Amino acid sequence: MTSKRGPERRQTLSERQKKHLRRLAHALKPIVTLGTAGLTQAVVAEFERALHDHELVKVRVRAASHDLRDHNLAELATRSGAALVQRIGNVAVLYRPDTVLPRILLPDA
């Protein structure tokens, strides 16, 4: 499943907005895990569903190297049109607002 959103629709966030989203994401648990198989279609589909349901999603990445982890996260963000809010170790926070009814209100940039 490919997203209807591409890099041209990627969310850009100010530092103030990222700080707000980091605060909201602090209590969240990772709900999507990228395993050693990498970025599969099933993972992308699950991530799309999680973004649709929650807008703000924590992702855990289990990769053989730091470069592979960073590449997988960048590819996941690109495929879904989401913004990478934060990455600490093997956990990343990504955000994409719902196009119809956004549930998370961001402060002005």
PDB file of N, CA and C in Angstrom:
ATOM      1  N   MET A   1       0.852  -1.168   0.000  1.00  0.00           N
ATOM      2  CA  MET A   1       0.000   0.000   0.000  1.00  0.00           C
ATOM      3  C   MET A   1       0.895   1.227   0.000  1.00  0.00           C
ATOM      4  N   THR A   2       0.733   2.070  -0.991  1.00  0.00           N
ATOM      5  CA  THR A   2       1.499   3.307  -1.014  1.00  0.00           C
ATOM      6  C   THR A   2       0.602   4.440  -0.598  1.00  0.00           C
ATOM      7  N   SER A   3       1.200   5.407   0.000  1.00  0.00           N
ATOM      8  CA  SER A   3       0.451   6.541   0.516  1.00  0.00           C
ATOM      9  C   SER A   3       0.105   7.505  -0.609  1.00  0.00           C
ATOM     10  N   LYS A   4      -0.993   8.201  -0.446  1.00  0.00           N
ATOM     11  CA  LYS A   4      -1.362   9.244  -1.379  1.00  0.00           C
ATOM     12  C   LYS A   4      -0.543  10.497  -1.117  1.00  0.00           C
ATOM     13  N   ARG A   5       0.150  10.486  -0.004  1.00  0.00           N
ATOM     14  CA  ARG A   5       0.984  11.625   0.350  1.00  0.00           C
ATOM     15  C   ARG A   5       2.401  11.301  -0.086  1.00  0.00           C
ATOM     16  N   GLY A   6       3.082  12.280  -0.585  1.00  0.00           N
ATOM     17  CA  GLY A   6       4.469  12.073  -0.972  1.00  0.00           C
ATOM     18  C   GLY A   6       5.331  13.136  -0.337  1.00  0.00           C
ATOM     19  N   PRO A   7       6.569  13.230  -0.773  1.00  0.00           N
ATOM     20  CA  PRO A   7       7.470  14.222  -0.206  1.00  0.00           C
ATOM     21  C   PRO A   7       6.971  15.641  -0.411  1.00  0.00           C
ATOM     22  N   GLU A   8       6.211  15.858  -1.483  1.00  0.00           N
ATOM     23  CA  GLU A   8       5.700  17.205  -1.729  1.00  0.00           C
ATOM     24  C   GLU A   8       4.656  17.625  -0.704  1.00  0.00           C
ATOM     25  N   ARG A   9       4.085  16.673   0.028  1.00  0.00           N
ATOM     26  CA  ARG A   9       3.067  16.997   1.026  1.00  0.00           C
ATOM     27  C   ARG A   9       3.584  16.774   2.434  1.00  0.00           C
ATOM     28  N   ARG A  10       4.879  16.624   2.561  1.00  0.00           N
ATOM     29  CA  ARG A  10       5.473  16.384   3.871  1.00  0.00           C
ATOM     30  C   ARG A  10       5.261  17.566   4.783  1.00  0.00           C
ATOM     31  N   GLN A  11       4.984  17.250   6.010  1.00  0.00           N
ATOM     32  CA  GLN A  11       4.727  18.251   7.037  1.00  0.00           C
ATOM     33  C   GLN A  11       6.039  18.896   7.457  1.00  0.00           C
ATOM     34  N   THR A  12       6.099  20.220   7.486  1.00  0.00           N
ATOM     35  CA  THR A  12       7.260  20.910   8.033  1.00  0.00           C
ATOM     36  C   THR A  12       6.828  21.567   9.334  1.00  0.00           C
ATOM     37  N   LEU A  13       7.650  21.408  10.346  1.00  0.00           N
ATOM     38  CA  LEU A  13       7.299  21.873  11.686  1.00  0.00           C
ATOM     39  C   LEU A  13       8.349  22.839  12.205  1.00  0.00           C
ATOM     40  N   SER A  14       7.890  23.836  12.932  1.00  0.00           N
ATOM     41  CA  SER A  14       8.815  24.752  13.595  1.00  0.00           C
ATOM     42  C   SER A  14       9.319  24.086  14.875  1.00  0.00           C
ATOM     43  N   GLU A  15      10.349  24.658  15.475  1.00  0.00           N
ATOM     44  CA  GLU A  15      10.874  24.106  16.726  1.00  0.00           C
ATOM     45  C   GLU A  15       9.827  24.168  17.835  1.00  0.00           C
ATOM     46  N   ARG A  16       9.035  25.225  17.835  1.00  0.00           N
ATOM     47  CA  ARG A  16       7.971  25.360  18.849  1.00  0.00           C
ATOM     48  C   ARG A  16       6.941  24.238  18.703  1.00  0.00           C
ATOM     49  N   GLN A  17       6.575  23.929  17.476  1.00  0.00           N
ATOM     50  CA  GLN A  17       5.612  22.861  17.219  1.00  0.00           C
ATOM     51  C   GLN A  17       6.203  21.494  17.566  1.00  0.00           C
ATOM     52  N   LYS A  18       7.477  21.287  17.247  1.00  0.00           N
ATOM     53  CA  LYS A  18       8.133  20.024  17.602  1.00  0.00           C
ATOM     54  C   LYS A  18       8.179  19.848  19.114  1.00  0.00           C
ATOM     55  N   LYS A  19       8.461  20.914  19.825  1.00  0.00           N
ATOM     56  CA  LYS A  19       8.513  20.841  21.285  1.00  0.00           C
ATOM     57  C   LYS A  19       7.145  20.449  21.840  1.00  0.00           C
ATOM     58  N   HIS A  20       6.089  21.035  21.284  1.00  0.00           N
ATOM     59  CA  HIS A  20       4.723  20.701  21.708  1.00  0.00           C
ATOM     60  C   HIS A  20       4.434  19.220  21.449  1.00  0.00           C
ATOM     61  N   LEU A  21       4.808  18.728  20.274  1.00  0.00           N
ATOM     62  CA  LEU A  21       4.565  17.328  19.927  1.00  0.00           C
ATOM     63  C   LEU A  21       5.409  16.383  20.777  1.00  0.00           C
ATOM     64  N   ARG A  22       6.646  16.751  21.088  1.00  0.00           N
ATOM     65  CA  ARG A  22       7.479  15.928  21.970  1.00  0.00           C
ATOM     66  C   ARG A  22       6.838  15.797  23.345  1.00  0.00           C
ATOM     67  N   ARG A  23       6.259  16.901  23.812  1.00  0.00           N
ATOM     68  CA  ARG A  23       5.580  16.878  25.114  1.00  0.00           C
ATOM     69  C   ARG A  23       4.399  15.905  25.075  1.00  0.00           C
ATOM     70  N   LEU A  24       3.633  15.932  23.994  1.00  0.00           N
ATOM     71  CA  LEU A  24       2.482  15.031  23.866  1.00  0.00           C
ATOM     72  C   LEU A  24       2.927  13.569  23.722  1.00  0.00           C
ATOM     73  N   ALA A  25       4.042  13.353  23.056  1.00  0.00           N
ATOM     74  CA  ALA A  25       4.495  11.993  22.765  1.00  0.00           C
ATOM     75  C   ALA A  25       5.200  11.335  23.940  1.00  0.00           C
ATOM     76  N   HIS A  26       5.564  12.102  24.930  1.00  0.00           N
ATOM     77  CA  HIS A  26       6.350  11.568  26.036  1.00  0.00           C
ATOM     78  C   HIS A  26       5.691  10.338  26.680  1.00  0.00           C
ATOM     79  N   ALA A  27       4.406  10.371  26.876  1.00  0.00           N
ATOM     80  CA  ALA A  27       3.709   9.275  27.564  1.00  0.00           C
ATOM     81  C   ALA A  27       3.315   8.130  26.625  1.00  0.00           C
ATOM     82  N   LEU A  28       3.516   8.292  25.326  1.00  0.00           N
ATOM     83  CA  LEU A  28       3.116   7.263  24.367  1.00  0.00           C
ATOM     84  C   LEU A  28       4.074   6.081  24.384  1.00  0.00           C
ATOM     85  N   LYS A  29       3.543   4.931  24.066  1.00  0.00           N
ATOM     86  CA  LYS A  29       4.336   3.720  23.873  1.00  0.00           C
ATOM     87  C   LYS A  29       4.506   3.503  22.369  1.00  0.00           C
ATOM     88  N   PRO A  30       5.616   2.908  21.927  1.00  0.00           N
ATOM     89  CA  PRO A  30       5.764   2.596  20.502  1.00  0.00           C
ATOM     90  C   PRO A  30       4.673   1.619  20.060  1.00  0.00           C
ATOM     91  N   ILE A  31       3.965   1.966  18.994  1.00  0.00           N
ATOM     92  CA  ILE A  31       2.894   1.083  18.517  1.00  0.00           C
ATOM     93  C   ILE A  31       3.238   0.429  17.189  1.00  0.00           C
ATOM     94  N   VAL A  32       4.329   0.847  16.572  1.00  0.00           N
ATOM     95  CA  VAL A  32       4.798   0.223  15.342  1.00  0.00           C
ATOM     96  C   VAL A  32       6.256  -0.143  15.562  1.00  0.00           C
ATOM     97  N   THR A  33       6.629  -1.351  15.146  1.00  0.00           N
ATOM     98  CA  THR A  33       8.016  -1.796  15.281  1.00  0.00           C
ATOM     99  C   THR A  33       8.547  -2.211  13.922  1.00  0.00           C
ATOM    100  N   LEU A  34       9.654  -1.612  13.551  1.00  0.00           N
ATOM    101  CA  LEU A  34      10.379  -2.027  12.355  1.00  0.00           C
ATOM    102  C   LEU A  34      11.387  -3.061  12.818  1.00  0.00           C
ATOM    103  N   GLY A  35      11.244  -4.287  12.347  1.00  0.00           N
ATOM    104  CA  GLY A  35      12.122  -5.362  12.780  1.00  0.00           C
ATOM    105  C   GLY A  35      13.327  -5.517  11.881  1.00  0.00           C
ATOM    106  N   THR A  36      13.983  -6.645  12.012  1.00  0.00           N
ATOM    107  CA  THR A  36      15.192  -6.902  11.232  1.00  0.00           C
ATOM    108  C   THR A  36      14.880  -7.125   9.753  1.00  0.00           C
ATOM    109  N   ALA A  37      13.617  -7.383   9.409  1.00  0.00           N
ATOM    110  CA  ALA A  37      13.234  -7.537   8.004  1.00  0.00           C
ATOM    111  C   ALA A  37      13.209  -6.198   7.283  1.00  0.00           C
ATOM    112  N   GLY A  38      13.263  -5.111   8.042  1.00  0.00           N
ATOM    113  CA  GLY A  38      13.310  -3.786   7.425  1.00  0.00           C
ATOM    114  C   GLY A  38      11.935  -3.217   7.169  1.00  0.00           C
ATOM    115  N   LEU A  39      11.896  -2.309   6.238  1.00  0.00           N
ATOM    116  CA  LEU A  39      10.672  -1.575   5.922  1.00  0.00           C
ATOM    117  C   LEU A  39       9.865  -2.357   4.886  1.00  0.00           C
ATOM    118  N   THR A  40       8.949  -3.171   5.356  1.00  0.00           N
ATOM    119  CA  THR A  40       8.116  -3.982   4.472  1.00  0.00           C
ATOM    120  C   THR A  40       6.796  -3.255   4.203  1.00  0.00           C
ATOM    121  N   GLN A  41       6.061  -3.757   3.233  1.00  0.00           N
ATOM    122  CA  GLN A  41       4.752  -3.177   2.916  1.00  0.00           C
ATOM    123  C   GLN A  41       3.804  -3.296   4.100  1.00  0.00           C
ATOM    124  N   ALA A  42       3.905  -4.381   4.852  1.00  0.00           N
ATOM    125  CA  ALA A  42       3.038  -4.580   6.015  1.00  0.00           C
ATOM    126  C   ALA A  42       3.320  -3.524   7.084  1.00  0.00           C
ATOM    127  N   VAL A  43       4.584  -3.211   7.293  1.00  0.00           N
ATOM    128  CA  VAL A  43       4.946  -2.189   8.278  1.00  0.00           C
ATOM    129  C   VAL A  43       4.435  -0.832   7.829  1.00  0.00           C
ATOM    130  N   VAL A  44       4.592  -0.520   6.551  1.00  0.00           N
ATOM    131  CA  VAL A  44       4.118   0.764   6.028  1.00  0.00           C
ATOM    132  C   VAL A  44       2.600   0.857   6.165  1.00  0.00           C
ATOM    133  N   ALA A  45       1.894  -0.221   5.865  1.00  0.00           N
ATOM    134  CA  ALA A  45       0.434  -0.224   5.991  1.00  0.00           C
ATOM    135  C   ALA A  45       0.007  -0.036   7.442  1.00  0.00           C
ATOM    136  N   GLU A  46       0.676  -0.718   8.362  1.00  0.00           N
ATOM    137  CA  GLU A  46       0.360  -0.578   9.782  1.00  0.00           C
ATOM    138  C   GLU A  46       0.652   0.843  10.266  1.00  0.00           C
ATOM    139  N   PHE A  47       1.756   1.409   9.798  1.00  0.00           N
ATOM    140  CA  PHE A  47       2.111   2.779  10.167  1.00  0.00           C
ATOM    141  C   PHE A  47       1.085   3.771   9.633  1.00  0.00           C
ATOM    142  N   GLU A  48       0.633   3.566   8.398  1.00  0.00           N
ATOM    143  CA  GLU A  48      -0.404   4.437   7.811  1.00  0.00           C
ATOM    144  C   GLU A  48      -1.677   4.390   8.654  1.00  0.00           C
ATOM    145  N   ARG A  49      -2.055   3.194   9.068  1.00  0.00           N
ATOM    146  CA  ARG A  49      -3.262   3.053   9.883  1.00  0.00           C
ATOM    147  C   ARG A  49      -3.084   3.730  11.240  1.00  0.00           C
ATOM    148  N   ALA A  50      -1.909   3.578  11.829  1.00  0.00           N
ATOM    149  CA  ALA A  50      -1.632   4.222  13.114  1.00  0.00           C
ATOM    150  C   ALA A  50      -1.652   5.742  12.982  1.00  0.00           C
ATOM    151  N   LEU A  51      -1.081   6.271  11.913  1.00  0.00           N
ATOM    152  CA  LEU A  51      -1.111   7.720  11.686  1.00  0.00           C
ATOM    153  C   LEU A  51      -2.539   8.216  11.493  1.00  0.00           C
ATOM    154  N   HIS A  52      -3.322   7.450  10.757  1.00  0.00           N
ATOM    155  CA  HIS A  52      -4.715   7.841  10.533  1.00  0.00           C
ATOM    156  C   HIS A  52      -5.482   7.881  11.858  1.00  0.00           C
ATOM    157  N   ASP A  53      -5.215   6.920  12.723  1.00  0.00           N
ATOM    158  CA  ASP A  53      -5.934   6.831  13.992  1.00  0.00           C
ATOM    159  C   ASP A  53      -5.428   7.805  15.042  1.00  0.00           C
ATOM    160  N   HIS A  54      -4.114   8.069  15.055  1.00  0.00           N
ATOM    161  CA  HIS A  54      -3.527   8.815  16.169  1.00  0.00           C
ATOM    162  C   HIS A  54      -2.849  10.130  15.800  1.00  0.00           C
ATOM    163  N   GLU A  55      -2.401  10.301  14.584  1.00  0.00           N
ATOM    164  CA  GLU A  55      -1.647  11.459  14.093  1.00  0.00           C
ATOM    165  C   GLU A  55      -0.217  11.533  14.642  1.00  0.00           C
ATOM    166  N   LEU A  56      -0.006  11.152  15.870  1.00  0.00           N
ATOM    167  CA  LEU A  56       1.312  11.184  16.502  1.00  0.00           C
ATOM    168  C   LEU A  56       1.662   9.760  16.920  1.00  0.00           C
ATOM    169  N   VAL A  57       2.748   9.217  16.364  1.00  0.00           N
ATOM    170  CA  VAL A  57       3.047   7.798  16.543  1.00  0.00           C
ATOM    171  C   VAL A  57       4.510   7.621  16.926  1.00  0.00           C
ATOM    172  N   LYS A  58       4.735   6.743  17.912  1.00  0.00           N
ATOM    173  CA  LYS A  58       6.092   6.328  18.257  1.00  0.00           C
ATOM    174  C   LYS A  58       6.390   5.030  17.519  1.00  0.00           C
ATOM    175  N   VAL A  59       7.601   4.969  16.968  1.00  0.00           N
ATOM    176  CA  VAL A  59       8.047   3.809  16.207  1.00  0.00           C
ATOM    177  C   VAL A  59       9.349   3.307  16.808  1.00  0.00           C
ATOM    178  N   ARG A  60       9.433   1.997  17.021  1.00  0.00           N
ATOM    179  CA  ARG A  60      10.682   1.384  17.497  1.00  0.00           C
ATOM    180  C   ARG A  60      11.348   0.714  16.300  1.00  0.00           C
ATOM    181  N   VAL A  61      12.651   0.935  16.160  1.00  0.00           N
ATOM    182  CA  VAL A  61      13.400   0.381  15.035  1.00  0.00           C
ATOM    183  C   VAL A  61      14.482  -0.544  15.557  1.00  0.00           C
ATOM    184  N   ARG A  62      14.469  -1.771  15.068  1.00  0.00           N
ATOM    185  CA  ARG A  62      15.527  -2.728  15.383  1.00  0.00           C
ATOM    186  C   ARG A  62      16.291  -2.965  14.082  1.00  0.00           C
ATOM    187  N   ALA A  63      17.441  -2.330  13.985  1.00  0.00           N
ATOM    188  CA  ALA A  63      18.240  -2.431  12.764  1.00  0.00           C
ATOM    189  C   ALA A  63      19.667  -2.824  13.111  1.00  0.00           C
ATOM    190  N   ALA A  64      20.362  -3.360  12.113  1.00  0.00           N
ATOM    191  CA  ALA A  64      21.728  -3.839  12.324  1.00  0.00           C
ATOM    192  C   ALA A  64      22.719  -2.695  12.534  1.00  0.00           C
ATOM    193  N   SER A  65      22.437  -1.531  11.952  1.00  0.00           N
ATOM    194  CA  SER A  65      23.370  -0.410  12.071  1.00  0.00           C
ATOM    195  C   SER A  65      22.609   0.898  12.231  1.00  0.00           C
ATOM    196  N   HIS A  66      23.325   1.903  12.674  1.00  0.00           N
ATOM    197  CA  HIS A  66      22.729   3.235  12.835  1.00  0.00           C
ATOM    198  C   HIS A  66      22.305   3.799  11.486  1.00  0.00           C
ATOM    199  N   ASP A  67      23.121   3.579  10.465  1.00  0.00           N
ATOM    200  CA  ASP A  67      22.794   4.090   9.129  1.00  0.00           C
ATOM    201  C   ASP A  67      21.520   3.464   8.585  1.00  0.00           C
ATOM    202  N   LEU A  68      21.386   2.159   8.781  1.00  0.00           N
ATOM    203  CA  LEU A  68      20.183   1.468   8.316  1.00  0.00           C
ATOM    204  C   LEU A  68      18.954   1.960   9.075  1.00  0.00           C
ATOM    205  N   ARG A  69      19.085   2.164  10.382  1.00  0.00           N
ATOM    206  CA  ARG A  69      17.985   2.687  11.189  1.00  0.00           C
ATOM    207  C   ARG A  69      17.557   4.062  10.677  1.00  0.00           C
ATOM    208  N   ASP A  70      18.515   4.953  10.472  1.00  0.00           N
ATOM    209  CA  ASP A  70      18.198   6.295  10.000  1.00  0.00           C
ATOM    210  C   ASP A  70      17.586   6.265   8.604  1.00  0.00           C
ATOM    211  N   HIS A  71      18.099   5.378   7.747  1.00  0.00           N
ATOM    212  CA  HIS A  71      17.552   5.251   6.392  1.00  0.00           C
ATOM    213  C   HIS A  71      16.100   4.756   6.434  1.00  0.00           C
ATOM    214  N   ASN A  72      15.837   3.743   7.261  1.00  0.00           N
ATOM    215  CA  ASN A  72      14.470   3.211   7.370  1.00  0.00           C
ATOM    216  C   ASN A  72      13.496   4.264   7.889  1.00  0.00           C
ATOM    217  N   LEU A  73      13.916   5.043   8.872  1.00  0.00           N
ATOM    218  CA  LEU A  73      13.041   6.092   9.400  1.00  0.00           C
ATOM    219  C   LEU A  73      12.784   7.175   8.359  1.00  0.00           C
ATOM    220  N   ALA A  74      13.821   7.571   7.640  1.00  0.00           N
ATOM    221  CA  ALA A  74      13.648   8.587   6.596  1.00  0.00           C
ATOM    222  C   ALA A  74      12.730   8.080   5.492  1.00  0.00           C
ATOM    223  N   GLU A  75      12.905   6.826   5.110  1.00  0.00           N
ATOM    224  CA  GLU A  75      12.058   6.237   4.066  1.00  0.00           C
ATOM    225  C   GLU A  75      10.604   6.124   4.533  1.00  0.00           C
ATOM    226  N   LEU A  76      10.400   5.743   5.781  1.00  0.00           N
ATOM    227  CA  LEU A  76       9.053   5.642   6.338  1.00  0.00           C
ATOM    228  C   LEU A  76       8.380   7.023   6.345  1.00  0.00           C
ATOM    229  N   ALA A  77       9.109   8.042   6.756  1.00  0.00           N
ATOM    230  CA  ALA A  77       8.568   9.406   6.767  1.00  0.00           C
ATOM    231  C   ALA A  77       8.251   9.871   5.347  1.00  0.00           C
ATOM    232  N   THR A  78       9.117   9.572   4.401  1.00  0.00           N
ATOM    233  CA  THR A  78       8.902   9.978   3.013  1.00  0.00           C
ATOM    234  C   THR A  78       7.687   9.285   2.415  1.00  0.00           C
ATOM    235  N   ARG A  79       7.594   7.977   2.610  1.00  0.00           N
ATOM    236  CA  ARG A  79       6.460   7.217   2.047  1.00  0.00           C
ATOM    237  C   ARG A  79       5.127   7.667   2.616  1.00  0.00           C
ATOM    238  N   SER A  80       5.109   8.066   3.876  1.00  0.00           N
ATOM    239  CA  SER A  80       3.839   8.411   4.521  1.00  0.00           C
ATOM    240  C   SER A  80       3.542   9.904   4.514  1.00  0.00           C
ATOM    241  N   GLY A  81       4.528  10.719   4.192  1.00  0.00           N
ATOM    242  CA  GLY A  81       4.313  12.166   4.237  1.00  0.00           C
ATOM    243  C   GLY A  81       4.323  12.704   5.658  1.00  0.00           C
ATOM    244  N   ALA A  82       4.916  11.957   6.573  1.00  0.00           N
ATOM    245  CA  ALA A  82       4.953  12.371   7.979  1.00  0.00           C
ATOM    246  C   ALA A  82       6.235  13.149   8.267  1.00  0.00           C
ATOM    247  N   ALA A  83       6.198  13.892   9.356  1.00  0.00           N
ATOM    248  CA  ALA A  83       7.367  14.640   9.800  1.00  0.00           C
ATOM    249  C   ALA A  83       8.017  13.903  10.956  1.00  0.00           C
ATOM    250  N   LEU A  84       9.335  13.795  10.911  1.00  0.00           N
ATOM    251  CA  LEU A  84      10.078  13.214  12.015  1.00  0.00           C
ATOM    252  C   LEU A  84      10.213  14.283  13.086  1.00  0.00           C
ATOM    253  N   VAL A  85       9.573  14.050  14.219  1.00  0.00           N
ATOM    254  CA  VAL A  85       9.579  15.012  15.318  1.00  0.00           C
ATOM    255  C   VAL A  85      10.820  14.830  16.165  1.00  0.00           C
ATOM    256  N   GLN A  86      11.158  13.572  16.457  1.00  0.00           N
ATOM    257  CA  GLN A  86      12.260  13.286  17.364  1.00  0.00           C
ATOM    258  C   GLN A  86      12.729  11.861  17.176  1.00  0.00           C
ATOM    259  N   ARG A  87      14.032  11.632  17.383  1.00  0.00           N
ATOM    260  CA  ARG A  87      14.561  10.284  17.414  1.00  0.00           C
ATOM    261  C   ARG A  87      15.561  10.203  18.548  1.00  0.00           C
ATOM    262  N   ILE A  88      15.307   9.306  19.457  1.00  0.00           N
ATOM    263  CA  ILE A  88      16.227   9.048  20.561  1.00  0.00           C
ATOM    264  C   ILE A  88      16.508   7.558  20.562  1.00  0.00           C
ATOM    265  N   GLY A  89      17.744   7.201  20.276  1.00  0.00           N
ATOM    266  CA  GLY A  89      18.111   5.792  20.224  1.00  0.00           C
ATOM    267  C   GLY A  89      17.341   5.071  19.139  1.00  0.00           C
ATOM    268  N   ASN A  90      16.638   4.022  19.525  1.00  0.00           N
ATOM    269  CA  ASN A  90      15.878   3.217  18.568  1.00  0.00           C
ATOM    270  C   ASN A  90      14.407   3.603  18.483  1.00  0.00           C
ATOM    271  N   VAL A  91      14.029   4.699  19.107  1.00  0.00           N
ATOM    272  CA  VAL A  91      12.630   5.117  19.109  1.00  0.00           C
ATOM    273  C   VAL A  91      12.507   6.483  18.438  1.00  0.00           C
ATOM    274  N   ALA A  92      11.543   6.578  17.527  1.00  0.00           N
ATOM    275  CA  ALA A  92      11.292   7.834  16.820  1.00  0.00           C
ATOM    276  C   ALA A  92       9.831   8.222  16.983  1.00  0.00           C
ATOM    277  N   VAL A  93       9.580   9.513  16.909  1.00  0.00           N
ATOM    278  CA  VAL A  93       8.221  10.051  16.954  1.00  0.00           C
ATOM    279  C   VAL A  93       7.955  10.716  15.607  1.00  0.00           C
ATOM    280  N   LEU A  94       6.854  10.324  14.969  1.00  0.00           N
ATOM    281  CA  LEU A  94       6.471  10.909  13.689  1.00  0.00           C
ATOM    282  C   LEU A  94       5.065  11.477  13.797  1.00  0.00           C
ATOM    283  N   TYR A  95       4.813  12.527  13.008  1.00  0.00           N
ATOM    284  CA  TYR A  95       3.534  13.221  13.077  1.00  0.00           C
ATOM    285  C   TYR A  95       3.028  13.519  11.669  1.00  0.00           C
ATOM    286  N   ARG A  96       1.738  13.280  11.484  1.00  0.00           N
ATOM    287  CA  ARG A  96       1.053  13.693  10.265  1.00  0.00           C
ATOM    288  C   ARG A  96      -0.388  14.019  10.635  1.00  0.00           C
ATOM    289  N   PRO A  97      -0.820  15.251  10.420  1.00  0.00           N
ATOM    290  CA  PRO A  97      -2.196  15.597  10.772  1.00  0.00           C
ATOM    291  C   PRO A  97      -3.192  14.942   9.820  1.00  0.00           C
ATOM    292  N   ASP A  98      -4.363  14.665  10.329  1.00  0.00           N
ATOM    293  CA  ASP A  98      -5.444  14.139   9.510  1.00  0.00           C
ATOM    294  C   ASP A  98      -5.910  15.262   8.587  1.00  0.00           C
ATOM    295  N   THR A  99      -6.152  14.950   7.328  1.00  0.00           N
ATOM    296  CA  THR A  99      -6.545  15.982   6.366  1.00  0.00           C
ATOM    297  C   THR A  99      -7.987  16.438   6.567  1.00  0.00           C
ATOM    298  N   VAL A 100      -8.836  15.568   7.089  1.00  0.00           N
ATOM    299  CA  VAL A 100     -10.246  15.901   7.267  1.00  0.00           C
ATOM    300  C   VAL A 100     -10.499  16.568   8.614  1.00  0.00           C
ATOM    301  N   LEU A 101     -10.065  15.920   9.676  1.00  0.00           N
ATOM    302  CA  LEU A 101     -10.330  16.429  11.021  1.00  0.00           C
ATOM    303  C   LEU A 101      -9.099  16.259  11.909  1.00  0.00           C
ATOM    304  N   PRO A 102      -8.188  17.225  11.896  1.00  0.00           N
ATOM    305  CA  PRO A 102      -7.001  17.111  12.757  1.00  0.00           C
ATOM    306  C   PRO A 102      -7.398  17.103  14.231  1.00  0.00           C
ATOM    307  N   ARG A 103      -6.827  16.152  14.987  1.00  0.00           N
ATOM    308  CA  ARG A 103      -7.149  16.052  16.412  1.00  0.00           C
ATOM    309  C   ARG A 103      -6.124  16.755  17.290  1.00  0.00           C
ATOM    310  N   ILE A 104      -4.927  16.956  16.777  1.00  0.00           N
ATOM    311  CA  ILE A 104      -3.880  17.646  17.531  1.00  0.00           C
ATOM    312  C   ILE A 104      -3.749  19.051  16.978  1.00  0.00           C
ATOM    313  N   LEU A 105      -3.963  20.015  17.840  1.00  0.00           N
ATOM    314  CA  LEU A 105      -3.815  21.407  17.429  1.00  0.00           C
ATOM    315  C   LEU A 105      -2.407  21.870  17.750  1.00  0.00           C
ATOM    316  N   LEU A 106      -1.723  22.377  16.739  1.00  0.00           N
ATOM    317  CA  LEU A 106      -0.360  22.845  16.924  1.00  0.00           C
ATOM    318  C   LEU A 106      -0.332  24.340  17.214  1.00  0.00           C
ATOM    319  N   PRO A 107       0.630  24.778  18.018  1.00  0.00           N
ATOM    320  CA  PRO A 107       0.783  26.212  18.221  1.00  0.00           C
ATOM    321  C   PRO A 107       1.291  26.868  16.922  1.00  0.00           C
ATOM    322  N   ASP A 108       1.112  28.155  16.818  1.00  0.00           N
ATOM    323  CA  ASP A 108       1.606  28.864  15.640  1.00  0.00           C
ATOM    324  C   ASP A 108       3.114  28.756  15.559  1.00  0.00           C
ATOM    325  N   ALA A 109       3.608  28.762  14.345  1.00  0.00           N
ATOM    326  CA  ALA A 109       5.056  28.660  14.129  1.00  0.00           C
ATOM    327  C   ALA A 109       5.701  29.911  14.637  1.00  0.00           C
TER     328      ALA A 109
END
